[in-house]
Structures are given as C-alpha cells and as structure tokens.
Amino acid sequence: MKNMKPNFLQNRAIACVLAIFCTLLWGTAFPFIKLGYAAFDVAEGDAGAMLLFAGLRFFLAGVMVLAFLCVTEKRFVPAGKTDIKAIAWLSVFQTFGQYLFTYIGIGFTTGANTSIITACASFLTVLGAAVFFKGDRLTAWKILGCALGFGGVLVMNGTGGFALDTLFGDLFILMSTVFAAAGNLIAKKITPGRSPVKITAYQLLFGGAALGIAGLICGGRLNFSAGNGLLILLWLAFVSAAAFTVWTALLKYHPASKISVFNLLVPVFGTTLSGLMLGENVFRLETLLSLGMISAGILFVNLSKAGEKHD
C-alpha cells in the first residue's frame, strides 16, 4: 500500500473493483469459519470458543499487516503516541465490538435474520456520513440505492423470522451493525494524514487481543490437533489483513457512503461460496435476482451529483 500513489486509489473505477475485491474476500470467510469450527471442535453455541477463534484470527491478521508494513519501511513501525487513541477507538468498534456481538448473536438467531440485519450497516453508514461529513450528503440516489440493496438482501434470505425466541440474537446482531457502521465512520475520520496500513495493523492487533482474552474469560478452548485447522486460520487471517487494509485505504480517499454500500455484496458472495464449497444449492433465481438488485443499488449510491466530494 505504501507505494500506491493517491491518484491510484482515488480513481473511482479502481475503487469499485477494490471494494468488490474486499467483499469477495469477506464472503469467503463464511464457509471457512464453518470449516474452522469443525477443525477446532467448536460446538454450536460455544461463545467462548468462537470469540477465541475470532481473536486469534484478527490478531494474526494484525501481525501480517504489521510485518508487511515493517518490511516495506525497512524498520519496525510503532503505533505512535499521537495515533494510539484513534487506533484504540477504531479497534473497539470495528473489530472488538462488532465481532463480539456478531459471534454471540449468531448463536441465538437464524442465518437469514443475520444477513438481513447486517445489511443495515450500510444504511447506518450512509446516514451517519451525511451527519458527520458535510461533503457526503444524503441524496435521492443514495436513498433509492440503499432501498434496492436492502431489497436484494430480503429477496435472497426471505423476510426472516423475527420472533421472541430469536429476539436476543437479533438485538446482538443489530448492535454489531451499529458498531460496524461506527467503525466505518471512525476509519473515515482518522485516516487523513495517517497511514491506513499502520492503522489497520494496530487496530487488528488490539481488537484481536481483546477478543481472544474475552474468549478465554468465557472458558473458550480450541483443539489444534486437526492438521487443516491452522491453514484455515491463516487464510481467515489473510482475508482480514488484506480486506481491512484496502477498505481502510478506500475510506481515506472516498465518501464513506459510497464505499460502505458495497458491504451488501458480502452475503451474496458468502451464500454463493458456502454453497459451492459445502455442497449447497446456490444456483437459484433468488440469488441472481438479489445480485441484480444489490448491484443496481450500489450503482445508484455511487451516482455522484455535482459538487459532492469527500471530506
């Protein structure tokens, strides 16, 4: 990332391709997390083991990004006193809080509900960006695009099954989306004048360590006897390292609303890749229709009006 010229990342077409690349990487996490749970003997509903697994994943991701940064800089790169507070806030929201609520919440609700509620993060980011960044105002195109994108998630997952027995899990997933949206806005706020690579490295290290400690406190344990478990963990760490680094860099150079809306593609990629890897039927009319609606929504959100710019 160091050698990328700003005009490379500021190019809108390249930014769209990179945002899709990020969501594709995050989409691969869905089946690999399931495979990882099987490899490490993580029982359904074992929140401690899930948090420990997540903590190891993100901490390793931080190590990868920091190693990359140190190699490119040819020296060890500390967080820096002026960056610690900003990075700490980002790690609390984008890694620790988001995934703490996610990993606990998914044990008490359905996959459809999780996808539908998670899609709200894009809406919250679009609304929050209009409040906190004067150059990222709310427009009719953005409202229409968000509505289309959310409709696409509904088409793919049905209407969900919101009931009292899933209420606890649904509320936790909703909190994870609030933290995710806040993380996008914080990343947008703190990246000007700072290295996105350094920010990503340390926020993953801090957030991953906190998740791991929370998992241990909750009694989480992992079985490392399976030979493929470490490979799965390393892939998931790479996914987080690459995707969060690129994503944070994109938020630095583009309006948060226009980048965050690409998150709507994550459940599409996740569902499709899960089906291909786990033998599920994914070639359904609903999936294709959902992809079309979400793609149209992303296009509408990214239709700029005159005078709009990022802060």
C-alpha atoms as a PDB file:
ATOM      1  CA  MET A   1       0.000   0.000   0.000  1.00  0.00           C
ATOM      2  CA  LYS A   2       2.884   2.370   0.662  1.00  0.00           C
ATOM      3  CA  ASN A   3       3.894   2.585  -2.999  1.00  0.00           C
ATOM      4  CA  MET A   4       0.375   3.210  -4.282  1.00  0.00           C
ATOM      5  CA  LYS A   5       0.029   6.798  -5.445  1.00  0.00           C
ATOM      6  CA  PRO A   6      -3.007   8.643  -4.080  1.00  0.00           C
ATOM      7  CA  ASN A   7      -4.452   9.089  -7.582  1.00  0.00           C
ATOM      8  CA  PHE A   8      -4.482   5.290  -7.962  1.00  0.00           C
ATOM      9  CA  LEU A   9      -6.812   4.861  -5.003  1.00  0.00           C
ATOM     10  CA  GLN A  10      -8.790   7.983  -5.862  1.00  0.00           C
ATOM     11  CA  ASN A  11      -9.793   6.575  -9.250  1.00  0.00           C
ATOM     12  CA  ARG A  12     -13.469   5.676  -8.910  1.00  0.00           C
ATOM     13  CA  ALA A  13     -13.416   2.631 -11.197  1.00  0.00           C
ATOM     14  CA  ILE A  14     -10.391   1.171  -9.416  1.00  0.00           C
ATOM     15  CA  ALA A  15     -12.001   1.917  -6.053  1.00  0.00           C
ATOM     16  CA  CYS A  16     -15.132  -0.012  -7.084  1.00  0.00           C
ATOM     17  CA  VAL A  17     -13.050  -3.005  -8.174  1.00  0.00           C
ATOM     18  CA  LEU A  18     -11.089  -2.964  -4.919  1.00  0.00           C
ATOM     19  CA  ALA A  19     -14.276  -2.640  -2.838  1.00  0.00           C
ATOM     20  CA  ILE A  20     -15.753  -5.663  -4.636  1.00  0.00           C
ATOM     21  CA  PHE A  21     -12.466  -7.497  -4.017  1.00  0.00           C
ATOM     22  CA  CYS A  22     -12.803  -6.771  -0.280  1.00  0.00           C
ATOM     23  CA  THR A  23     -16.377  -8.040  -0.126  1.00  0.00           C
ATOM     24  CA  LEU A  24     -15.377 -11.159  -2.084  1.00  0.00           C
ATOM     25  CA  LEU A  25     -12.639 -11.863   0.457  1.00  0.00           C
ATOM     26  CA  TRP A  26     -15.064 -11.323   3.349  1.00  0.00           C
ATOM     27  CA  GLY A  27     -17.524 -13.595   1.563  1.00  0.00           C
ATOM     28  CA  THR A  28     -15.002 -16.443   1.658  1.00  0.00           C
ATOM     29  CA  ALA A  29     -14.961 -16.105   5.450  1.00  0.00           C
ATOM     30  CA  PHE A  30     -18.477 -17.594   5.712  1.00  0.00           C
ATOM     31  CA  PRO A  31     -17.613 -21.155   4.596  1.00  0.00           C
ATOM     32  CA  PHE A  32     -14.112 -21.058   6.078  1.00  0.00           C
ATOM     33  CA  ILE A  33     -15.447 -20.105   9.512  1.00  0.00           C
ATOM     34  CA  LYS A  34     -17.740 -23.136   9.353  1.00  0.00           C
ATOM     35  CA  LEU A  35     -14.814 -25.313   8.307  1.00  0.00           C
ATOM     36  CA  GLY A  36     -12.718 -23.771  11.072  1.00  0.00           C
ATOM     37  CA  TYR A  37     -15.332 -24.542  13.721  1.00  0.00           C
ATOM     38  CA  ALA A  38     -15.307 -28.181  12.609  1.00  0.00           C
ATOM     39  CA  ALA A  39     -11.494 -28.358  12.560  1.00  0.00           C
ATOM     40  CA  PHE A  40     -11.120 -26.833  16.040  1.00  0.00           C
ATOM     41  CA  ASP A  41     -14.098 -28.727  17.551  1.00  0.00           C
ATOM     42  CA  VAL A  42     -16.063 -25.564  18.308  1.00  0.00           C
ATOM     43  CA  ALA A  43     -19.511 -26.634  19.473  1.00  0.00           C
ATOM     44  CA  GLU A  44     -22.638 -24.793  18.388  1.00  0.00           C
ATOM     45  CA  GLY A  45     -23.391 -22.036  20.881  1.00  0.00           C
ATOM     46  CA  ASP A  46     -19.911 -22.143  22.483  1.00  0.00           C
ATOM     47  CA  ALA A  47     -19.450 -18.360  22.543  1.00  0.00           C
ATOM     48  CA  GLY A  48     -16.115 -18.565  24.388  1.00  0.00           C
ATOM     49  CA  ALA A  49     -14.508 -20.790  21.763  1.00  0.00           C
ATOM     50  CA  MET A  50     -15.974 -18.665  18.963  1.00  0.00           C
ATOM     51  CA  LEU A  51     -14.561 -15.462  20.464  1.00  0.00           C
ATOM     52  CA  LEU A  52     -11.176 -17.108  20.999  1.00  0.00           C
ATOM     53  CA  PHE A  53     -11.192 -18.303  17.385  1.00  0.00           C
ATOM     54  CA  ALA A  54     -12.074 -14.789  16.209  1.00  0.00           C
ATOM     55  CA  GLY A  55      -9.428 -13.252  18.441  1.00  0.00           C
ATOM     56  CA  LEU A  56      -6.681 -15.485  17.035  1.00  0.00           C
ATOM     57  CA  ARG A  57      -7.862 -14.723  13.512  1.00  0.00           C
ATOM     58  CA  PHE A  58      -7.725 -10.950  13.898  1.00  0.00           C
ATOM     59  CA  PHE A  59      -4.550 -10.896  15.982  1.00  0.00           C
ATOM     60  CA  LEU A  60      -2.761 -12.966  13.320  1.00  0.00           C
ATOM     61  CA  ALA A  61      -4.160 -10.594  10.695  1.00  0.00           C
ATOM     62  CA  GLY A  62      -2.647  -7.672  12.583  1.00  0.00           C
ATOM     63  CA  VAL A  63       0.700  -9.470  12.729  1.00  0.00           C
ATOM     64  CA  MET A  64       0.552  -9.994   8.943  1.00  0.00           C
ATOM     65  CA  VAL A  65      -0.202  -6.329   8.217  1.00  0.00           C
ATOM     66  CA  LEU A  66       2.440  -5.102  10.668  1.00  0.00           C
ATOM     67  CA  ALA A  67       5.033  -7.457   9.154  1.00  0.00           C
ATOM     68  CA  PHE A  68       4.188  -6.137   5.678  1.00  0.00           C
ATOM     69  CA  LEU A  69       4.493  -2.558   6.920  1.00  0.00           C
ATOM     70  CA  CYS A  70       7.850  -3.182   8.610  1.00  0.00           C
ATOM     71  CA  VAL A  71       9.253  -4.908   5.510  1.00  0.00           C
ATOM     72  CA  THR A  72       8.206  -2.062   3.210  1.00  0.00           C
ATOM     73  CA  GLU A  73       9.502   0.563   5.657  1.00  0.00           C
ATOM     74  CA  LYS A  74      12.650  -1.498   6.411  1.00  0.00           C
ATOM     75  CA  ARG A  75      12.192  -0.814  10.128  1.00  0.00           C
ATOM     76  CA  PHE A  76       9.840  -1.558  12.984  1.00  0.00           C
ATOM     77  CA  VAL A  77       6.911   0.874  12.836  1.00  0.00           C
ATOM     78  CA  PRO A  78       5.396   1.665  16.262  1.00  0.00           C
ATOM     79  CA  ALA A  79       1.834   2.902  16.639  1.00  0.00           C
ATOM     80  CA  GLY A  80       2.970   6.334  17.797  1.00  0.00           C
ATOM     81  CA  LYS A  81       1.675   8.319  20.747  1.00  0.00           C
ATOM     82  CA  THR A  82      -0.483  10.574  18.579  1.00  0.00           C
ATOM     83  CA  ASP A  83      -2.133   7.547  16.909  1.00  0.00           C
ATOM     84  CA  ILE A  84      -2.847   5.321  19.918  1.00  0.00           C
ATOM     85  CA  LYS A  85      -6.128   6.952  20.943  1.00  0.00           C
ATOM     86  CA  ALA A  86      -7.543   6.981  17.392  1.00  0.00           C
ATOM     87  CA  ILE A  87      -6.489   3.381  16.741  1.00  0.00           C
ATOM     88  CA  ALA A  88      -7.896   2.248  20.093  1.00  0.00           C
ATOM     89  CA  TRP A  89     -11.299   3.736  19.304  1.00  0.00           C
ATOM     90  CA  LEU A  90     -11.305   2.092  15.873  1.00  0.00           C
ATOM     91  CA  SER A  91     -10.339  -1.308  17.315  1.00  0.00           C
ATOM     92  CA  VAL A  92     -13.121  -1.057  19.911  1.00  0.00           C
ATOM     93  CA  PHE A  93     -15.765  -0.542  17.238  1.00  0.00           C
ATOM     94  CA  GLN A  94     -14.507  -2.138  14.025  1.00  0.00           C
ATOM     95  CA  THR A  95     -13.038  -5.333  15.489  1.00  0.00           C
ATOM     96  CA  PHE A  96     -13.808  -5.967  19.158  1.00  0.00           C
ATOM     97  CA  GLY A  97     -17.357  -4.630  19.488  1.00  0.00           C
ATOM     98  CA  GLN A  98     -18.570  -5.634  16.037  1.00  0.00           C
ATOM     99  CA  TYR A  99     -17.383  -9.229  16.257  1.00  0.00           C
ATOM    100  CA  LEU A 100     -18.140  -9.687  19.952  1.00  0.00           C
ATOM    101  CA  PHE A 101     -21.817  -9.004  19.249  1.00  0.00           C
ATOM    102  CA  THR A 102     -21.700 -10.940  15.976  1.00  0.00           C
ATOM    103  CA  TYR A 103     -20.184 -14.145  17.315  1.00  0.00           C
ATOM    104  CA  ILE A 104     -22.538 -14.256  20.304  1.00  0.00           C
ATOM    105  CA  GLY A 105     -25.597 -13.135  18.369  1.00  0.00           C
ATOM    106  CA  ILE A 106     -25.356 -15.730  15.599  1.00  0.00           C
ATOM    107  CA  GLY A 107     -25.754 -18.455  18.207  1.00  0.00           C
ATOM    108  CA  PHE A 108     -29.223 -17.179  19.104  1.00  0.00           C
ATOM    109  CA  THR A 109     -30.769 -16.265  15.752  1.00  0.00           C
ATOM    110  CA  THR A 110     -31.071 -17.534  12.182  1.00  0.00           C
ATOM    111  CA  GLY A 111     -28.733 -17.072   9.236  1.00  0.00           C
ATOM    112  CA  ALA A 112     -31.451 -15.209   7.326  1.00  0.00           C
ATOM    113  CA  ASN A 113     -32.018 -12.774  10.174  1.00  0.00           C
ATOM    114  CA  THR A 114     -28.263 -12.233  10.498  1.00  0.00           C
ATOM    115  CA  SER A 115     -27.897 -11.353   6.794  1.00  0.00           C
ATOM    116  CA  ILE A 116     -30.893  -9.025   6.820  1.00  0.00           C
ATOM    117  CA  ILE A 117     -29.909  -7.158   9.988  1.00  0.00           C
ATOM    118  CA  THR A 118     -26.234  -6.962   8.964  1.00  0.00           C
ATOM    119  CA  ALA A 119     -27.289  -5.260   5.739  1.00  0.00           C
ATOM    120  CA  CYS A 120     -28.471  -2.351   7.897  1.00  0.00           C
ATOM    121  CA  ALA A 121     -24.814  -1.392   8.472  1.00  0.00           C
ATOM    122  CA  SER A 122     -24.675   0.147   5.010  1.00  0.00           C
ATOM    123  CA  PHE A 123     -27.762   2.266   5.720  1.00  0.00           C
ATOM    124  CA  LEU A 124     -26.400   3.384   9.075  1.00  0.00           C
ATOM    125  CA  THR A 125     -23.097   4.374   7.469  1.00  0.00           C
ATOM    126  CA  VAL A 126     -24.856   6.327   4.714  1.00  0.00           C
ATOM    127  CA  LEU A 127     -26.987   8.173   7.300  1.00  0.00           C
ATOM    128  CA  GLY A 128     -24.059   8.716   9.659  1.00  0.00           C
ATOM    129  CA  ALA A 129     -21.841  10.004   6.874  1.00  0.00           C
ATOM    130  CA  ALA A 130     -24.472  12.606   5.981  1.00  0.00           C
ATOM    131  CA  VAL A 131     -24.450  13.795   9.607  1.00  0.00           C
ATOM    132  CA  PHE A 132     -20.697  13.814  10.280  1.00  0.00           C
ATOM    133  CA  PHE A 133     -19.201  14.622   6.849  1.00  0.00           C
ATOM    134  CA  LYS A 134     -20.582  17.666   5.064  1.00  0.00           C
ATOM    135  CA  GLY A 135     -19.264  16.515   1.676  1.00  0.00           C
ATOM    136  CA  ASP A 136     -21.090  13.174   1.929  1.00  0.00           C
ATOM    137  CA  ARG A 137     -24.651  14.409   1.932  1.00  0.00           C
ATOM    138  CA  LEU A 138     -27.762  12.255   1.678  1.00  0.00           C
ATOM    139  CA  THR A 139     -29.301  12.241  -1.803  1.00  0.00           C
ATOM    140  CA  ALA A 140     -32.299  10.670  -3.502  1.00  0.00           C
ATOM    141  CA  TRP A 141     -29.925   8.370  -5.428  1.00  0.00           C
ATOM    142  CA  LYS A 142     -28.420   7.094  -2.177  1.00  0.00           C
ATOM    143  CA  ILE A 143     -31.826   6.500  -0.596  1.00  0.00           C
ATOM    144  CA  LEU A 144     -33.027   4.634  -3.708  1.00  0.00           C
ATOM    145  CA  GLY A 145     -29.790   2.645  -3.908  1.00  0.00           C
ATOM    146  CA  CYS A 146     -29.944   1.610  -0.247  1.00  0.00           C
ATOM    147  CA  ALA A 147     -33.578   0.573  -0.614  1.00  0.00           C
ATOM    148  CA  LEU A 148     -32.764  -1.542  -3.676  1.00  0.00           C
ATOM    149  CA  GLY A 149     -29.762  -3.122  -1.964  1.00  0.00           C
ATOM    150  CA  PHE A 150     -31.724  -3.958   1.166  1.00  0.00           C
ATOM    151  CA  GLY A 151     -34.496  -5.361  -1.016  1.00  0.00           C
ATOM    152  CA  GLY A 152     -31.936  -7.601  -2.670  1.00  0.00           C
ATOM    153  CA  VAL A 153     -30.851  -8.984   0.712  1.00  0.00           C
ATOM    154  CA  LEU A 154     -34.514  -9.634   1.574  1.00  0.00           C
ATOM    155  CA  VAL A 155     -35.053 -11.461  -1.723  1.00  0.00           C
ATOM    156  CA  MET A 156     -32.053 -13.705  -1.096  1.00  0.00           C
ATOM    157  CA  ASN A 157     -32.952 -14.539   2.511  1.00  0.00           C
ATOM    158  CA  GLY A 158     -36.717 -14.212   2.572  1.00  0.00           C
ATOM    159  CA  THR A 159     -38.320 -11.975   5.167  1.00  0.00           C
ATOM    160  CA  GLY A 160     -36.522 -13.636   8.037  1.00  0.00           C
ATOM    161  CA  GLY A 161     -38.258 -14.963  11.126  1.00  0.00           C
ATOM    162  CA  PHE A 162     -38.258 -12.270  13.777  1.00  0.00           C
ATOM    163  CA  ALA A 163     -39.803 -13.779  16.893  1.00  0.00           C
ATOM    164  CA  LEU A 164     -39.368 -13.711  20.636  1.00  0.00           C
ATOM    165  CA  ASP A 165     -37.120 -16.784  20.580  1.00  0.00           C
ATOM    166  CA  THR A 166     -34.631 -15.007  18.298  1.00  0.00           C
ATOM    167  CA  LEU A 167     -35.026 -11.546  19.832  1.00  0.00           C
ATOM    168  CA  PHE A 168     -31.842 -11.772  21.964  1.00  0.00           C
ATOM    169  CA  GLY A 169     -29.731 -12.838  18.987  1.00  0.00           C
ATOM    170  CA  ASP A 170     -31.371 -10.281  16.700  1.00  0.00           C
ATOM    171  CA  LEU A 171     -30.584  -7.455  19.131  1.00  0.00           C
ATOM    172  CA  PHE A 172     -26.945  -8.568  19.353  1.00  0.00           C
ATOM    173  CA  ILE A 173     -26.634  -8.679  15.559  1.00  0.00           C
ATOM    174  CA  LEU A 174     -28.212  -5.218  15.398  1.00  0.00           C
ATOM    175  CA  MET A 175     -25.609  -3.955  17.873  1.00  0.00           C
ATOM    176  CA  SER A 176     -22.865  -5.472  15.707  1.00  0.00           C
ATOM    177  CA  THR A 177     -24.150  -3.486  12.716  1.00  0.00           C
ATOM    178  CA  VAL A 178     -24.143  -0.280  14.787  1.00  0.00           C
ATOM    179  CA  PHE A 179     -20.519  -0.944  15.736  1.00  0.00           C
ATOM    180  CA  ALA A 180     -19.643  -1.795  12.114  1.00  0.00           C
ATOM    181  CA  ALA A 181     -21.161   1.451  10.828  1.00  0.00           C
ATOM    182  CA  ALA A 182     -19.420   3.426  13.572  1.00  0.00           C
ATOM    183  CA  GLY A 183     -16.155   1.715  12.638  1.00  0.00           C
ATOM    184  CA  ASN A 184     -16.539   2.868   9.029  1.00  0.00           C
ATOM    185  CA  LEU A 185     -17.137   6.453  10.134  1.00  0.00           C
ATOM    186  CA  ILE A 186     -14.251   6.419  12.625  1.00  0.00           C
ATOM    187  CA  ALA A 187     -11.917   4.987   9.975  1.00  0.00           C
ATOM    188  CA  LYS A 188     -13.008   7.749   7.609  1.00  0.00           C
ATOM    189  CA  LYS A 189     -12.375  10.364  10.315  1.00  0.00           C
ATOM    190  CA  ILE A 190      -8.918   9.242  11.483  1.00  0.00           C
ATOM    191  CA  THR A 191      -7.227   8.209   8.216  1.00  0.00           C
ATOM    192  CA  PRO A 192      -6.416  11.677   6.790  1.00  0.00           C
ATOM    193  CA  GLY A 193      -2.754  12.325   7.479  1.00  0.00           C
ATOM    194  CA  ARG A 194      -2.172   8.770   8.715  1.00  0.00           C
ATOM    195  CA  SER A 195      -1.069   5.522   7.083  1.00  0.00           C
ATOM    196  CA  PRO A 196      -4.065   3.202   6.503  1.00  0.00           C
ATOM    197  CA  VAL A 197      -1.702   0.227   6.734  1.00  0.00           C
ATOM    198  CA  LYS A 198      -0.435   1.205  10.189  1.00  0.00           C
ATOM    199  CA  ILE A 199      -3.953   1.954  11.411  1.00  0.00           C
ATOM    200  CA  THR A 200      -5.176  -1.428  10.172  1.00  0.00           C
ATOM    201  CA  ALA A 201      -2.239  -3.336  11.684  1.00  0.00           C
ATOM    202  CA  TYR A 202      -2.644  -1.982  15.186  1.00  0.00           C
ATOM    203  CA  GLN A 203      -6.428  -1.920  15.301  1.00  0.00           C
ATOM    204  CA  LEU A 204      -6.454  -5.615  14.339  1.00  0.00           C
ATOM    205  CA  LEU A 205      -3.780  -6.405  16.936  1.00  0.00           C
ATOM    206  CA  PHE A 206      -5.616  -4.545  19.717  1.00  0.00           C
ATOM    207  CA  GLY A 207      -9.080  -5.767  18.740  1.00  0.00           C
ATOM    208  CA  GLY A 208      -7.932  -9.346  18.164  1.00  0.00           C
ATOM    209  CA  ALA A 209      -6.148  -9.494  21.527  1.00  0.00           C
ATOM    210  CA  ALA A 210      -9.260  -8.168  23.288  1.00  0.00           C
ATOM    211  CA  LEU A 211     -11.498 -10.760  21.582  1.00  0.00           C
ATOM    212  CA  GLY A 212      -9.081 -13.551  22.470  1.00  0.00           C
ATOM    213  CA  ILE A 213      -8.990 -12.509  26.132  1.00  0.00           C
ATOM    214  CA  ALA A 214     -12.796 -12.307  26.192  1.00  0.00           C
ATOM    215  CA  GLY A 215     -12.939 -15.823  24.741  1.00  0.00           C
ATOM    216  CA  LEU A 216     -10.583 -17.190  27.408  1.00  0.00           C
ATOM    217  CA  ILE A 217     -12.571 -15.472  30.176  1.00  0.00           C
ATOM    218  CA  CYS A 218     -15.715 -17.144  28.810  1.00  0.00           C
ATOM    219  CA  GLY A 219     -13.977 -20.532  29.002  1.00  0.00           C
ATOM    220  CA  GLY A 220     -13.193 -20.876  25.317  1.00  0.00           C
ATOM    221  CA  ARG A 221     -10.846 -23.655  24.218  1.00  0.00           C
ATOM    222  CA  LEU A 222      -9.682 -24.771  20.763  1.00  0.00           C
ATOM    223  CA  ASN A 223      -8.497 -28.203  19.634  1.00  0.00           C
ATOM    224  CA  PHE A 224      -5.385 -27.789  17.477  1.00  0.00           C
ATOM    225  CA  SER A 225      -4.991 -31.491  16.652  1.00  0.00           C
ATOM    226  CA  ALA A 226      -6.565 -31.227  13.189  1.00  0.00           C
ATOM    227  CA  GLY A 227      -3.912 -30.648  10.531  1.00  0.00           C
ATOM    228  CA  ASN A 228      -6.026 -28.318   8.391  1.00  0.00           C
ATOM    229  CA  GLY A 229      -7.110 -26.084  11.280  1.00  0.00           C
ATOM    230  CA  LEU A 230      -4.025 -23.868  11.191  1.00  0.00           C
ATOM    231  CA  LEU A 231      -4.278 -23.445   7.400  1.00  0.00           C
ATOM    232  CA  ILE A 232      -7.910 -22.359   7.732  1.00  0.00           C
ATOM    233  CA  LEU A 233      -6.980 -19.909  10.494  1.00  0.00           C
ATOM    234  CA  LEU A 234      -4.144 -18.470   8.403  1.00  0.00           C
ATOM    235  CA  TRP A 235      -6.449 -17.990   5.405  1.00  0.00           C
ATOM    236  CA  LEU A 236      -9.045 -16.198   7.535  1.00  0.00           C
ATOM    237  CA  ALA A 237      -6.287 -14.017   8.982  1.00  0.00           C
ATOM    238  CA  PHE A 238      -5.089 -13.152   5.475  1.00  0.00           C
ATOM    239  CA  VAL A 239      -8.668 -12.301   4.447  1.00  0.00           C
ATOM    240  CA  SER A 240      -8.960  -9.823   7.329  1.00  0.00           C
ATOM    241  CA  ALA A 241      -5.460  -8.420   6.778  1.00  0.00           C
ATOM    242  CA  ALA A 242      -5.930  -7.766   3.063  1.00  0.00           C
ATOM    243  CA  ALA A 243      -9.577  -6.680   3.123  1.00  0.00           C
ATOM    244  CA  PHE A 244      -9.356  -4.331   6.125  1.00  0.00           C
ATOM    245  CA  THR A 245      -6.162  -2.716   4.802  1.00  0.00           C
ATOM    246  CA  VAL A 246      -7.647  -1.996   1.374  1.00  0.00           C
ATOM    247  CA  TRP A 247     -11.025  -0.999   2.864  1.00  0.00           C
ATOM    248  CA  THR A 248      -9.465   1.487   5.284  1.00  0.00           C
ATOM    249  CA  ALA A 249      -7.427   2.999   2.439  1.00  0.00           C
ATOM    250  CA  LEU A 250     -10.567   3.369   0.302  1.00  0.00           C
ATOM    251  CA  LEU A 251     -12.384   5.126   3.161  1.00  0.00           C
ATOM    252  CA  LYS A 252      -9.492   7.576   3.333  1.00  0.00           C
ATOM    253  CA  TYR A 253      -9.946   8.688  -0.277  1.00  0.00           C
ATOM    254  CA  HIS A 254     -13.691   8.246  -0.919  1.00  0.00           C
ATOM    255  CA  PRO A 255     -17.022   9.152   0.736  1.00  0.00           C
ATOM    256  CA  ALA A 256     -17.922   6.591   3.400  1.00  0.00           C
ATOM    257  CA  SER A 257     -21.418   6.108   1.957  1.00  0.00           C
ATOM    258  CA  LYS A 258     -20.116   5.155  -1.486  1.00  0.00           C
ATOM    259  CA  ILE A 259     -17.694   2.566  -0.115  1.00  0.00           C
ATOM    260  CA  SER A 260     -19.807   1.054   2.661  1.00  0.00           C
ATOM    261  CA  VAL A 261     -22.687   0.204   0.307  1.00  0.00           C
ATOM    262  CA  PHE A 262     -20.505  -2.490  -1.273  1.00  0.00           C
ATOM    263  CA  ASN A 263     -20.885  -4.409   2.010  1.00  0.00           C
ATOM    264  CA  LEU A 264     -24.275  -5.514   0.670  1.00  0.00           C
ATOM    265  CA  LEU A 265     -22.382  -7.905  -1.610  1.00  0.00           C
ATOM    266  CA  VAL A 266     -20.880  -9.833   1.317  1.00  0.00           C
ATOM    267  CA  PRO A 267     -23.939 -12.045   1.994  1.00  0.00           C
ATOM    268  CA  VAL A 268     -24.262 -12.740  -1.739  1.00  0.00           C
ATOM    269  CA  PHE A 269     -20.650 -13.866  -2.035  1.00  0.00           C
ATOM    270  CA  GLY A 270     -20.885 -15.669   1.295  1.00  0.00           C
ATOM    271  CA  THR A 271     -24.014 -17.602   0.304  1.00  0.00           C
ATOM    272  CA  THR A 272     -22.658 -18.490  -3.130  1.00  0.00           C
ATOM    273  CA  LEU A 273     -19.226 -19.586  -1.907  1.00  0.00           C
ATOM    274  CA  SER A 274     -20.722 -21.516   1.012  1.00  0.00           C
ATOM    275  CA  GLY A 275     -22.910 -23.391  -1.433  1.00  0.00           C
ATOM    276  CA  LEU A 276     -20.052 -24.186  -3.797  1.00  0.00           C
ATOM    277  CA  MET A 277     -17.686 -25.290  -1.011  1.00  0.00           C
ATOM    278  CA  LEU A 278     -20.204 -27.042   1.243  1.00  0.00           C
ATOM    279  CA  GLY A 279     -22.311 -28.668  -1.461  1.00  0.00           C
ATOM    280  CA  GLU A 280     -25.397 -26.488  -1.068  1.00  0.00           C
ATOM    281  CA  ASN A 281     -27.658 -25.410  -3.931  1.00  0.00           C
ATOM    282  CA  VAL A 282     -26.882 -21.769  -4.732  1.00  0.00           C
ATOM    283  CA  PHE A 283     -27.935 -21.526  -8.374  1.00  0.00           C
ATOM    284  CA  ARG A 284     -31.359 -20.180  -7.528  1.00  0.00           C
ATOM    285  CA  LEU A 285     -33.442 -17.454  -9.124  1.00  0.00           C
ATOM    286  CA  GLU A 286     -33.498 -15.626  -5.775  1.00  0.00           C
ATOM    287  CA  THR A 287     -29.688 -15.372  -5.680  1.00  0.00           C
ATOM    288  CA  LEU A 288     -29.459 -13.973  -9.221  1.00  0.00           C
ATOM    289  CA  LEU A 289     -32.289 -11.507  -8.611  1.00  0.00           C
ATOM    290  CA  SER A 290     -30.694 -10.455  -5.322  1.00  0.00           C
ATOM    291  CA  LEU A 291     -27.341  -9.853  -7.005  1.00  0.00           C
ATOM    292  CA  GLY A 292     -29.018  -7.734  -9.684  1.00  0.00           C
ATOM    293  CA  MET A 293     -30.878  -5.596  -7.147  1.00  0.00           C
ATOM    294  CA  ILE A 294     -27.817  -5.110  -4.936  1.00  0.00           C
ATOM    295  CA  SER A 295     -25.666  -4.232  -7.965  1.00  0.00           C
ATOM    296  CA  ALA A 296     -28.239  -1.667  -9.083  1.00  0.00           C
ATOM    297  CA  GLY A 297     -28.344  -0.246  -5.557  1.00  0.00           C
ATOM    298  CA  ILE A 298     -24.560   0.131  -5.463  1.00  0.00           C
ATOM    299  CA  LEU A 299     -24.673   1.875  -8.842  1.00  0.00           C
ATOM    300  CA  PHE A 300     -27.313   4.356  -7.670  1.00  0.00           C
ATOM    301  CA  VAL A 301     -25.437   5.190  -4.460  1.00  0.00           C
ATOM    302  CA  ASN A 302     -22.292   5.853  -6.486  1.00  0.00           C
ATOM    303  CA  LEU A 303     -24.031   8.175  -8.965  1.00  0.00           C
ATOM    304  CA  SER A 304     -22.481  11.473  -7.896  1.00  0.00           C
ATOM    305  CA  LYS A 305     -24.228  14.786  -8.026  1.00  0.00           C
ATOM    306  CA  ALA A 306     -22.430  17.952  -8.893  1.00  0.00           C
ATOM    307  CA  GLY A 307     -20.418  19.445  -6.102  1.00  0.00           C
ATOM    308  CA  GLU A 308     -20.283  16.312  -3.946  1.00  0.00           C
ATOM    309  CA  LYS A 309     -16.885  15.455  -2.525  1.00  0.00           C
ATOM    310  CA  HIS A 310     -15.410  13.615   0.406  1.00  0.00           C
ATOM    311  CA  ASP A 311     -14.005  15.371   3.447  1.00  0.00           C
END
